[in-house]
């Protein structure tokens, strides 16, 4: 027996209007309708290799931002001297 299990981020569940009455049964029916219509987008759990690449790219982006900020800081005293 194979069961298709999907994990959905709560923020990705579409909402039509603020529900005034919230019950487990009502939520289950709503989720079932959204699942059948294909409106639910399941999350993707990255493999370890993907996570390593993402960490590397994230670190690289942070370093590039830091480099730009440090360049601006090092140039600021020169610009302040010349502006007087």
Protein backbone atom coordinates (compact mmCIF):
# COMPACT_ATOMS: atom_id res chain seq x y z
CA UNK A 1 0.00 0.00 0.00
CA UNK A 2 1.53 3.28 -1.11
CA UNK A 3 0.41 6.55 0.45
CA UNK A 4 1.19 9.84 -1.26
CA UNK A 5 2.28 12.23 1.50
CA UNK A 6 2.77 15.94 0.78
CA UNK A 7 4.10 18.56 3.15
CA UNK A 8 2.65 22.02 2.55
CA UNK A 9 3.88 25.26 4.10
CA UNK A 10 1.00 26.92 6.00
CA UNK A 11 1.71 30.26 4.34
CA UNK A 12 1.29 28.71 0.88
CA UNK A 13 -2.29 27.55 1.51
CA UNK A 14 -4.62 29.88 -0.43
CA UNK A 15 -7.25 31.70 1.60
CA UNK A 16 -10.38 33.14 0.07
CA UNK A 17 -11.77 35.07 3.00
CA UNK A 18 -11.13 35.19 6.71
CA UNK A 19 -12.79 32.11 8.16
CA UNK A 20 -15.02 33.04 11.07
CA UNK A 21 -15.53 29.49 12.28
CA UNK A 22 -12.49 27.24 12.34
CA UNK A 23 -12.91 23.55 12.99
CA UNK A 24 -10.70 20.57 12.27
CA UNK A 25 -13.42 19.07 10.08
CA UNK A 26 -13.82 22.28 8.08
CA UNK A 27 -10.06 22.63 7.66
CA UNK A 28 -9.77 19.01 6.53
CA UNK A 29 -12.51 19.48 3.92
CA UNK A 30 -10.86 22.66 2.65
CA UNK A 31 -7.45 20.96 2.40
CA UNK A 32 -9.00 17.98 0.61
CA UNK A 33 -10.63 20.25 -2.00
CA UNK A 34 -7.41 22.19 -2.55
CA UNK A 35 -5.42 18.96 -2.87
CA UNK A 36 -7.84 17.45 -5.41
CA UNK A 37 -7.85 20.64 -7.51
CA UNK A 38 -4.04 20.82 -7.49
CA UNK A 39 -3.93 24.21 -5.75
CA UNK A 40 -1.60 23.01 -2.97
CA UNK A 41 2.12 23.31 -3.63
CA UNK A 42 4.23 20.88 -1.63
CA UNK A 43 7.65 21.82 -0.31
CA UNK A 44 10.91 20.35 -1.58
CA UNK A 45 13.41 19.08 0.96
CA UNK A 46 16.86 19.60 -0.60
CA UNK A 47 19.41 16.81 -0.67
CA UNK A 48 22.62 17.25 1.31
CA UNK A 49 24.56 18.18 -1.86
CA UNK A 50 21.99 20.85 -2.74
CA UNK A 51 22.17 22.24 0.78
CA UNK A 52 25.97 22.51 0.59
CA UNK A 53 25.74 24.46 -2.68
CA UNK A 54 23.04 26.74 -1.25
CA UNK A 55 25.15 27.43 1.86
CA UNK A 56 28.16 28.24 -0.33
CA UNK A 57 26.17 30.62 -2.54
CA UNK A 58 24.57 32.27 0.49
CA UNK A 59 28.00 32.79 2.11
CA UNK A 60 29.40 34.17 -1.14
CA UNK A 61 26.56 36.68 -1.45
CA UNK A 62 27.07 37.84 2.15
CA UNK A 63 30.81 38.26 1.56
CA UNK A 64 30.16 40.31 -1.59
CA UNK A 65 27.85 42.62 0.34
CA UNK A 66 30.41 42.98 3.12
CA UNK A 67 33.12 43.77 0.58
CA UNK A 68 31.01 46.55 -0.92
CA UNK A 69 30.21 47.99 2.51
CA UNK A 70 33.87 47.92 3.54
CA UNK A 71 34.87 49.69 0.32
CA UNK A 72 32.35 52.42 1.05
CA UNK A 73 33.60 52.75 4.63
CA UNK A 74 37.22 53.02 3.51
CA UNK A 75 36.36 55.72 0.95
CA UNK A 76 34.11 57.76 3.24
CA UNK A 77 36.90 59.62 5.13
CA UNK A 78 38.47 60.71 1.83
CA UNK A 79 35.20 62.10 0.54
CA UNK A 80 34.52 63.90 3.80
CA UNK A 81 37.98 65.55 3.69
CA UNK A 82 37.52 66.75 0.12
CA UNK A 83 34.04 68.14 0.71
CA UNK A 84 35.23 70.81 3.20
